N, C-alpha and C. Protein backbone atom coordinates (compact mmCIF):
# COMPACT_ATOMS: atom_id res chain seq x y z
N MET A 1 -9.20 -11.61 13.84
CA MET A 1 -7.78 -11.64 14.19
C MET A 1 -6.99 -10.73 13.23
N LYS A 2 -6.13 -9.94 13.77
CA LYS A 2 -5.33 -9.02 12.96
C LYS A 2 -4.17 -9.78 12.31
N ILE A 3 -3.94 -9.47 11.06
CA ILE A 3 -2.78 -10.00 10.34
C ILE A 3 -1.60 -9.08 10.66
N MET A 4 -0.48 -9.67 11.00
CA MET A 4 0.73 -8.88 11.22
C MET A 4 1.75 -9.25 10.14
N ILE A 5 2.77 -8.46 10.03
CA ILE A 5 3.83 -8.75 9.07
C ILE A 5 4.59 -9.99 9.53
N SER A 6 4.84 -10.89 8.61
CA SER A 6 5.50 -12.16 8.94
C SER A 6 6.94 -11.92 9.40
N LYS A 7 7.43 -12.84 10.22
CA LYS A 7 8.81 -12.77 10.71
C LYS A 7 9.78 -12.76 9.52
N LYS A 8 9.45 -13.55 8.50
CA LYS A 8 10.28 -13.61 7.29
C LYS A 8 10.47 -12.22 6.68
N LEU A 9 9.38 -11.46 6.60
CA LEU A 9 9.46 -10.10 6.05
C LEU A 9 10.23 -9.17 6.98
N VAL A 10 9.95 -9.24 8.28
CA VAL A 10 10.65 -8.38 9.24
C VAL A 10 12.15 -8.64 9.15
N ASP A 11 12.54 -9.92 9.09
CA ASP A 11 13.96 -10.27 8.97
C ASP A 11 14.55 -9.70 7.68
N PHE A 12 13.80 -9.80 6.58
CA PHE A 12 14.24 -9.26 5.30
C PHE A 12 14.45 -7.74 5.40
N PHE A 13 13.48 -7.04 6.00
CA PHE A 13 13.59 -5.58 6.13
C PHE A 13 14.77 -5.20 7.02
N LYS A 14 15.01 -5.97 8.07
CA LYS A 14 16.16 -5.71 8.94
C LYS A 14 17.47 -5.91 8.17
N GLN A 15 17.53 -6.96 7.35
CA GLN A 15 18.74 -7.22 6.54
C GLN A 15 19.00 -6.07 5.58
N GLN A 16 17.94 -5.46 5.07
CA GLN A 16 18.07 -4.34 4.13
C GLN A 16 18.42 -3.04 4.85
N GLY A 17 18.31 -3.03 6.18
CA GLY A 17 18.53 -1.80 6.94
C GLY A 17 17.35 -0.86 6.89
N TRP A 18 16.16 -1.39 6.61
CA TRP A 18 14.96 -0.58 6.45
C TRP A 18 14.05 -0.61 7.67
N TRP A 19 14.29 -1.51 8.63
CA TRP A 19 13.38 -1.69 9.76
C TRP A 19 13.78 -0.78 10.91
N TYR A 20 12.80 -0.06 11.45
CA TYR A 20 13.00 0.83 12.59
C TYR A 20 12.06 0.38 13.71
N GLU A 21 12.62 0.03 14.87
CA GLU A 21 11.81 -0.48 15.98
C GLU A 21 10.79 0.54 16.47
N ASP A 22 11.20 1.80 16.55
CA ASP A 22 10.31 2.83 17.08
C ASP A 22 9.42 3.38 15.97
N ALA A 23 8.12 3.32 16.19
CA ALA A 23 7.17 3.85 15.21
C ALA A 23 7.24 5.37 15.22
N SER A 24 7.08 5.96 14.05
CA SER A 24 7.10 7.41 13.91
C SER A 24 5.74 8.00 14.31
N ALA A 25 5.76 8.91 15.28
CA ALA A 25 4.52 9.58 15.71
C ALA A 25 3.92 10.38 14.55
N ASP A 26 4.78 11.02 13.76
CA ASP A 26 4.30 11.78 12.59
C ASP A 26 3.56 10.86 11.62
N TYR A 27 4.10 9.67 11.42
CA TYR A 27 3.49 8.74 10.48
C TYR A 27 2.18 8.17 11.02
N GLU A 28 2.08 8.04 12.35
CA GLU A 28 0.80 7.62 12.94
C GLU A 28 -0.29 8.63 12.60
N VAL A 29 0.07 9.91 12.67
CA VAL A 29 -0.88 10.98 12.33
C VAL A 29 -1.32 10.84 10.88
N GLU A 30 -0.37 10.57 9.98
CA GLU A 30 -0.70 10.43 8.55
C GLU A 30 -1.64 9.25 8.32
N LEU A 31 -1.37 8.12 8.98
CA LEU A 31 -2.23 6.94 8.82
C LEU A 31 -3.64 7.23 9.33
N LYS A 32 -3.73 7.94 10.44
CA LYS A 32 -5.06 8.30 10.96
C LYS A 32 -5.79 9.19 9.97
N LYS A 33 -5.06 10.14 9.35
CA LYS A 33 -5.68 11.02 8.34
C LYS A 33 -6.24 10.20 7.18
N LEU A 34 -5.54 9.10 6.85
CA LEU A 34 -5.96 8.24 5.73
C LEU A 34 -7.03 7.23 6.15
N GLY A 35 -7.38 7.21 7.43
CA GLY A 35 -8.41 6.29 7.90
C GLY A 35 -7.93 4.86 8.04
N VAL A 36 -6.63 4.67 8.30
CA VAL A 36 -6.05 3.33 8.39
C VAL A 36 -6.00 2.88 9.86
N ASP A 37 -6.38 1.64 10.10
CA ASP A 37 -6.32 1.02 11.43
C ASP A 37 -4.85 0.87 11.83
N LEU A 38 -4.47 1.49 12.95
CA LEU A 38 -3.06 1.47 13.37
C LEU A 38 -2.59 0.08 13.82
N SER A 39 -3.52 -0.86 14.02
CA SER A 39 -3.11 -2.21 14.40
C SER A 39 -3.03 -3.15 13.19
N SER A 40 -3.20 -2.61 11.99
CA SER A 40 -3.18 -3.43 10.77
C SER A 40 -1.75 -3.72 10.30
N ASP A 41 -1.62 -4.74 9.44
CA ASP A 41 -0.32 -5.05 8.85
C ASP A 41 0.17 -3.88 7.99
N PHE A 42 -0.76 -3.18 7.35
CA PHE A 42 -0.44 -2.00 6.54
C PHE A 42 0.25 -0.94 7.42
N ALA A 43 -0.37 -0.65 8.57
CA ALA A 43 0.21 0.34 9.49
C ALA A 43 1.54 -0.15 10.05
N GLN A 44 1.62 -1.42 10.41
CA GLN A 44 2.87 -1.96 10.95
C GLN A 44 4.00 -1.75 9.95
N PHE A 45 3.74 -2.03 8.68
CA PHE A 45 4.75 -1.84 7.65
C PHE A 45 5.16 -0.37 7.55
N TYR A 46 4.18 0.52 7.37
CA TYR A 46 4.50 1.92 7.11
C TYR A 46 5.01 2.67 8.33
N LEU A 47 4.78 2.16 9.53
CA LEU A 47 5.31 2.79 10.74
C LEU A 47 6.74 2.35 11.05
N HIS A 48 7.15 1.20 10.50
CA HIS A 48 8.46 0.64 10.88
C HIS A 48 9.45 0.46 9.73
N VAL A 49 9.00 0.54 8.49
CA VAL A 49 9.87 0.25 7.35
C VAL A 49 10.00 1.49 6.47
N GLU A 50 11.26 1.87 6.19
CA GLU A 50 11.48 3.03 5.33
C GLU A 50 12.82 2.91 4.62
N ASP A 51 12.78 3.23 3.33
CA ASP A 51 13.99 3.29 2.50
C ASP A 51 13.86 4.51 1.60
N GLY A 52 13.62 5.66 2.19
CA GLY A 52 13.36 6.85 1.40
C GLY A 52 11.89 6.92 1.05
N PRO A 53 11.52 7.77 0.08
CA PRO A 53 10.11 7.98 -0.24
C PRO A 53 9.43 6.80 -0.93
N THR A 54 10.23 5.91 -1.53
CA THR A 54 9.64 4.77 -2.25
C THR A 54 10.47 3.51 -2.03
N PHE A 55 9.86 2.39 -2.41
CA PHE A 55 10.55 1.10 -2.47
C PHE A 55 10.52 0.67 -3.92
N MET A 56 11.61 0.07 -4.40
CA MET A 56 11.68 -0.37 -5.79
C MET A 56 12.00 -1.86 -5.82
N GLN A 57 11.13 -2.63 -6.48
CA GLN A 57 11.36 -4.06 -6.66
C GLN A 57 10.91 -4.44 -8.06
N HIS A 58 11.64 -5.31 -8.69
CA HIS A 58 11.42 -5.77 -10.07
C HIS A 58 10.79 -4.69 -10.96
N GLY A 59 11.44 -3.52 -10.97
CA GLY A 59 11.05 -2.43 -11.86
C GLY A 59 9.77 -1.72 -11.49
N LYS A 60 9.17 -2.08 -10.38
CA LYS A 60 7.91 -1.46 -9.97
C LYS A 60 8.11 -0.77 -8.62
N GLU A 61 7.73 0.49 -8.57
CA GLU A 61 7.93 1.31 -7.38
C GLU A 61 6.63 1.40 -6.58
N ILE A 62 6.74 1.30 -5.25
CA ILE A 62 5.59 1.61 -4.41
C ILE A 62 5.98 2.72 -3.43
N TYR A 63 4.99 3.49 -3.04
CA TYR A 63 5.20 4.60 -2.12
C TYR A 63 5.52 4.12 -0.71
N GLN A 64 6.30 4.93 0.02
CA GLN A 64 6.26 4.90 1.48
C GLN A 64 5.08 5.84 1.75
N VAL A 65 3.89 5.27 1.89
CA VAL A 65 2.65 6.04 1.90
C VAL A 65 2.67 7.16 2.94
N CYS A 66 3.21 6.90 4.12
CA CYS A 66 3.25 7.94 5.16
C CYS A 66 4.13 9.11 4.73
N TRP A 67 5.27 8.80 4.12
CA TRP A 67 6.17 9.85 3.64
C TRP A 67 5.44 10.71 2.61
N PHE A 68 4.76 10.04 1.66
CA PHE A 68 4.04 10.77 0.61
C PHE A 68 2.90 11.59 1.19
N SER A 69 2.18 11.03 2.15
CA SER A 69 1.06 11.74 2.76
C SER A 69 1.56 13.00 3.48
N LYS A 70 2.72 12.90 4.13
CA LYS A 70 3.26 14.01 4.91
C LYS A 70 3.95 15.06 4.03
N ASN A 71 4.67 14.63 2.98
CA ASN A 71 5.58 15.52 2.25
C ASN A 71 5.14 15.92 0.85
N THR A 72 4.03 15.37 0.36
CA THR A 72 3.57 15.73 -0.98
C THR A 72 2.08 16.05 -0.91
N ASN A 73 1.52 16.41 -2.04
CA ASN A 73 0.08 16.63 -2.11
C ASN A 73 -0.60 15.30 -2.41
N PHE A 74 -0.53 14.38 -1.44
CA PHE A 74 -1.08 13.03 -1.61
C PHE A 74 -2.59 13.07 -1.86
N ASP A 75 -3.22 14.15 -1.42
CA ASP A 75 -4.66 14.30 -1.67
C ASP A 75 -4.97 14.23 -3.16
N LEU A 76 -4.05 14.72 -4.00
CA LEU A 76 -4.26 14.65 -5.45
C LEU A 76 -4.25 13.21 -5.94
N ASP A 77 -3.35 12.37 -5.39
CA ASP A 77 -3.34 10.95 -5.75
C ASP A 77 -4.64 10.29 -5.33
N LEU A 78 -5.11 10.62 -4.14
CA LEU A 78 -6.38 10.06 -3.66
C LEU A 78 -7.53 10.50 -4.56
N LYS A 79 -7.53 11.79 -4.91
CA LYS A 79 -8.58 12.33 -5.77
C LYS A 79 -8.58 11.64 -7.13
N SER A 80 -7.38 11.45 -7.69
CA SER A 80 -7.26 10.76 -8.98
C SER A 80 -7.79 9.33 -8.88
N THR A 81 -7.44 8.65 -7.79
CA THR A 81 -7.91 7.28 -7.59
C THR A 81 -9.43 7.22 -7.56
N HIS A 82 -10.04 8.14 -6.84
CA HIS A 82 -11.47 8.07 -6.62
C HIS A 82 -12.29 8.73 -7.73
N GLU A 83 -11.77 9.80 -8.34
CA GLU A 83 -12.54 10.49 -9.37
C GLU A 83 -12.19 10.03 -10.77
N THR A 84 -10.90 10.00 -11.10
CA THR A 84 -10.50 9.64 -12.46
C THR A 84 -10.69 8.14 -12.71
N LEU A 85 -10.17 7.31 -11.80
CA LEU A 85 -10.29 5.86 -11.98
C LEU A 85 -11.62 5.33 -11.46
N GLN A 86 -12.31 6.14 -10.68
CA GLN A 86 -13.60 5.77 -10.09
C GLN A 86 -13.51 4.53 -9.21
N LEU A 87 -12.40 4.41 -8.48
CA LEU A 87 -12.29 3.34 -7.49
C LEU A 87 -13.01 3.79 -6.22
N PRO A 88 -13.54 2.85 -5.44
CA PRO A 88 -14.23 3.23 -4.20
C PRO A 88 -13.33 4.00 -3.24
N GLN A 89 -13.94 4.79 -2.35
CA GLN A 89 -13.23 5.66 -1.41
C GLN A 89 -12.25 4.93 -0.51
N GLU A 90 -12.53 3.66 -0.22
CA GLU A 90 -11.66 2.92 0.70
C GLU A 90 -10.31 2.53 0.09
N TYR A 91 -10.13 2.73 -1.22
CA TYR A 91 -8.87 2.36 -1.87
C TYR A 91 -7.84 3.49 -1.80
N ILE A 92 -6.64 3.12 -1.33
CA ILE A 92 -5.51 4.05 -1.21
C ILE A 92 -4.46 3.64 -2.24
N PRO A 93 -4.00 4.57 -3.11
CA PRO A 93 -2.98 4.21 -4.10
C PRO A 93 -1.64 3.92 -3.43
N LEU A 94 -0.99 2.85 -3.90
CA LEU A 94 0.33 2.49 -3.38
C LEU A 94 1.45 2.93 -4.31
N ASP A 95 1.09 3.47 -5.46
CA ASP A 95 2.09 3.92 -6.43
C ASP A 95 1.50 5.01 -7.31
N SER A 96 2.28 5.47 -8.28
CA SER A 96 1.88 6.60 -9.12
C SER A 96 1.07 6.19 -10.34
N PHE A 97 0.69 4.90 -10.45
CA PHE A 97 -0.07 4.37 -11.58
C PHE A 97 0.71 4.54 -12.89
N GLU A 98 2.04 4.46 -12.78
CA GLU A 98 2.91 4.57 -13.94
C GLU A 98 2.66 3.37 -14.86
N GLY A 99 2.66 3.61 -16.16
CA GLY A 99 2.40 2.54 -17.11
C GLY A 99 0.94 2.12 -17.11
N GLU A 100 0.08 2.99 -16.60
CA GLU A 100 -1.37 2.77 -16.57
C GLU A 100 -1.77 1.52 -15.80
N SER A 101 -0.97 1.16 -14.78
CA SER A 101 -1.36 0.09 -13.87
C SER A 101 -0.85 0.44 -12.48
N GLY A 102 -1.49 -0.13 -11.48
CA GLY A 102 -1.05 0.20 -10.13
C GLY A 102 -1.61 -0.72 -9.08
N TYR A 103 -1.11 -0.51 -7.86
CA TYR A 103 -1.54 -1.27 -6.69
C TYR A 103 -2.37 -0.34 -5.80
N PHE A 104 -3.41 -0.91 -5.20
CA PHE A 104 -4.30 -0.14 -4.33
C PHE A 104 -4.63 -0.95 -3.10
N TYR A 105 -4.58 -0.30 -1.93
CA TYR A 105 -4.89 -0.94 -0.66
C TYR A 105 -6.30 -0.56 -0.23
N ASN A 106 -7.09 -1.56 0.15
CA ASN A 106 -8.43 -1.32 0.65
C ASN A 106 -8.36 -1.19 2.17
N ARG A 107 -8.52 0.03 2.67
CA ARG A 107 -8.35 0.26 4.11
C ARG A 107 -9.46 -0.39 4.94
N ASP A 108 -10.57 -0.78 4.32
CA ASP A 108 -11.67 -1.43 5.06
C ASP A 108 -11.46 -2.93 5.19
N THR A 109 -11.01 -3.58 4.11
CA THR A 109 -10.88 -5.05 4.12
C THR A 109 -9.45 -5.52 4.31
N GLY A 110 -8.46 -4.63 4.04
CA GLY A 110 -7.05 -5.02 4.12
C GLY A 110 -6.54 -5.66 2.84
N GLU A 111 -7.42 -5.83 1.84
CA GLU A 111 -7.02 -6.47 0.59
C GLU A 111 -6.19 -5.51 -0.27
N VAL A 112 -5.42 -6.09 -1.20
CA VAL A 112 -4.64 -5.29 -2.15
C VAL A 112 -5.04 -5.69 -3.56
N LEU A 113 -5.26 -4.68 -4.38
CA LEU A 113 -5.69 -4.84 -5.77
C LEU A 113 -4.59 -4.36 -6.70
N SER A 114 -4.32 -5.15 -7.75
CA SER A 114 -3.49 -4.71 -8.85
C SER A 114 -4.42 -4.56 -10.05
N VAL A 115 -4.41 -3.38 -10.66
CA VAL A 115 -5.34 -3.16 -11.77
C VAL A 115 -4.69 -2.27 -12.82
N SER A 116 -5.06 -2.52 -14.07
CA SER A 116 -4.60 -1.72 -15.21
C SER A 116 -5.80 -1.05 -15.86
N LEU A 117 -5.54 0.04 -16.58
CA LEU A 117 -6.60 0.69 -17.35
C LEU A 117 -7.16 -0.29 -18.37
N GLY A 118 -8.40 -0.07 -18.75
CA GLY A 118 -9.00 -0.91 -19.78
C GLY A 118 -9.86 -2.00 -19.17
N ASP A 119 -9.75 -3.21 -19.75
CA ASP A 119 -10.62 -4.32 -19.36
C ASP A 119 -10.53 -4.66 -17.88
N GLU A 120 -9.29 -4.65 -17.32
CA GLU A 120 -9.13 -4.99 -15.90
C GLU A 120 -9.90 -4.03 -15.01
N LEU A 121 -9.78 -2.74 -15.27
CA LEU A 121 -10.48 -1.75 -14.46
C LEU A 121 -11.99 -1.91 -14.61
N LEU A 122 -12.43 -2.14 -15.82
CA LEU A 122 -13.85 -2.37 -16.08
C LEU A 122 -14.34 -3.62 -15.35
N ASP A 123 -13.57 -4.70 -15.44
CA ASP A 123 -13.94 -5.95 -14.76
C ASP A 123 -14.03 -5.73 -13.25
N PHE A 124 -13.10 -4.95 -12.70
CA PHE A 124 -13.14 -4.68 -11.26
C PHE A 124 -14.41 -3.92 -10.89
N LYS A 125 -14.73 -2.89 -11.66
CA LYS A 125 -15.92 -2.09 -11.37
C LYS A 125 -17.19 -2.92 -11.48
N GLN A 126 -17.17 -3.95 -12.35
CA GLN A 126 -18.34 -4.80 -12.54
C GLN A 126 -18.34 -6.00 -11.59
N GLY A 127 -17.34 -6.07 -10.71
CA GLY A 127 -17.29 -7.15 -9.73
C GLY A 127 -16.70 -8.45 -10.25
N LYS A 128 -16.15 -8.43 -11.47
CA LYS A 128 -15.57 -9.65 -12.07
C LYS A 128 -14.12 -9.87 -11.65
N LEU A 129 -13.42 -8.80 -11.29
CA LEU A 129 -12.03 -8.89 -10.85
C LEU A 129 -11.98 -8.56 -9.36
N LYS A 130 -11.45 -9.50 -8.59
CA LYS A 130 -11.33 -9.32 -7.14
C LYS A 130 -9.89 -8.96 -6.79
N PRO A 131 -9.68 -8.31 -5.64
CA PRO A 131 -8.30 -8.04 -5.20
C PRO A 131 -7.49 -9.33 -5.16
N GLN A 132 -6.25 -9.25 -5.63
CA GLN A 132 -5.40 -10.44 -5.77
C GLN A 132 -4.79 -10.89 -4.45
N TRP A 133 -4.69 -10.00 -3.47
CA TRP A 133 -4.08 -10.36 -2.18
C TRP A 133 -5.08 -10.12 -1.07
N ALA A 134 -5.28 -11.12 -0.23
CA ALA A 134 -6.27 -11.06 0.85
C ALA A 134 -5.85 -10.11 1.97
N ASN A 135 -4.55 -9.87 2.08
CA ASN A 135 -4.07 -8.96 3.12
C ASN A 135 -2.76 -8.32 2.66
N PHE A 136 -2.35 -7.28 3.37
CA PHE A 136 -1.17 -6.52 2.97
C PHE A 136 0.11 -7.34 3.12
N ASN A 137 0.17 -8.21 4.14
CA ASN A 137 1.35 -9.06 4.33
C ASN A 137 1.57 -9.94 3.09
N ASP A 138 0.50 -10.55 2.58
CA ASP A 138 0.62 -11.40 1.38
C ASP A 138 1.14 -10.58 0.20
N PHE A 139 0.63 -9.37 0.06
CA PHE A 139 1.11 -8.49 -1.01
C PHE A 139 2.59 -8.19 -0.84
N LEU A 140 3.02 -7.85 0.39
CA LEU A 140 4.43 -7.54 0.64
C LEU A 140 5.32 -8.73 0.32
N GLU A 141 4.88 -9.95 0.69
CA GLU A 141 5.68 -11.14 0.40
C GLU A 141 5.83 -11.32 -1.11
N TYR A 142 4.77 -11.03 -1.85
CA TYR A 142 4.84 -11.09 -3.31
C TYR A 142 5.79 -9.99 -3.83
N TYR A 143 5.54 -8.76 -3.40
CA TYR A 143 6.27 -7.60 -3.93
C TYR A 143 7.77 -7.71 -3.65
N PHE A 144 8.13 -8.11 -2.44
CA PHE A 144 9.55 -8.20 -2.07
C PHE A 144 10.13 -9.59 -2.33
N GLU A 145 9.36 -10.42 -3.05
CA GLU A 145 9.79 -11.78 -3.44
C GLU A 145 10.23 -12.60 -2.23
N GLN A 146 9.40 -12.57 -1.18
CA GLN A 146 9.67 -13.33 0.04
C GLN A 146 8.60 -14.40 0.28
N ALA A 147 7.79 -14.67 -0.73
CA ALA A 147 6.70 -15.66 -0.59
C ALA A 147 7.25 -17.07 -0.50
């Protein structure tokens, strides 16, 4: 069963003026390039919610991933994620890893990982640290303080 964005979140995004009913065809192309399932909660969010290139909550910024994929050299962020941090290929960065920590979306499982350089990254690579959110909706509820 596919997880969709909760009504609570959709209502919150509408109140913020960030929700757009019509999905962007350009952004669908970007999600396909990234290997993201268009019926996922991740795709639902990025096809319908936008507040400029990023979202900012409690001092932590996350990308509007489709905007970044279309308008920047997002391939460099992906390369850094996979080569420098040595995270598996299925992980997509959700931010710039500022402060040596960041959020990553697993396009295969739908899970979201928060990880910092050092012990946390090592623990993750050794299988001791698991993604903190089972799906993107849960992560969004945490990030936007709608849990």
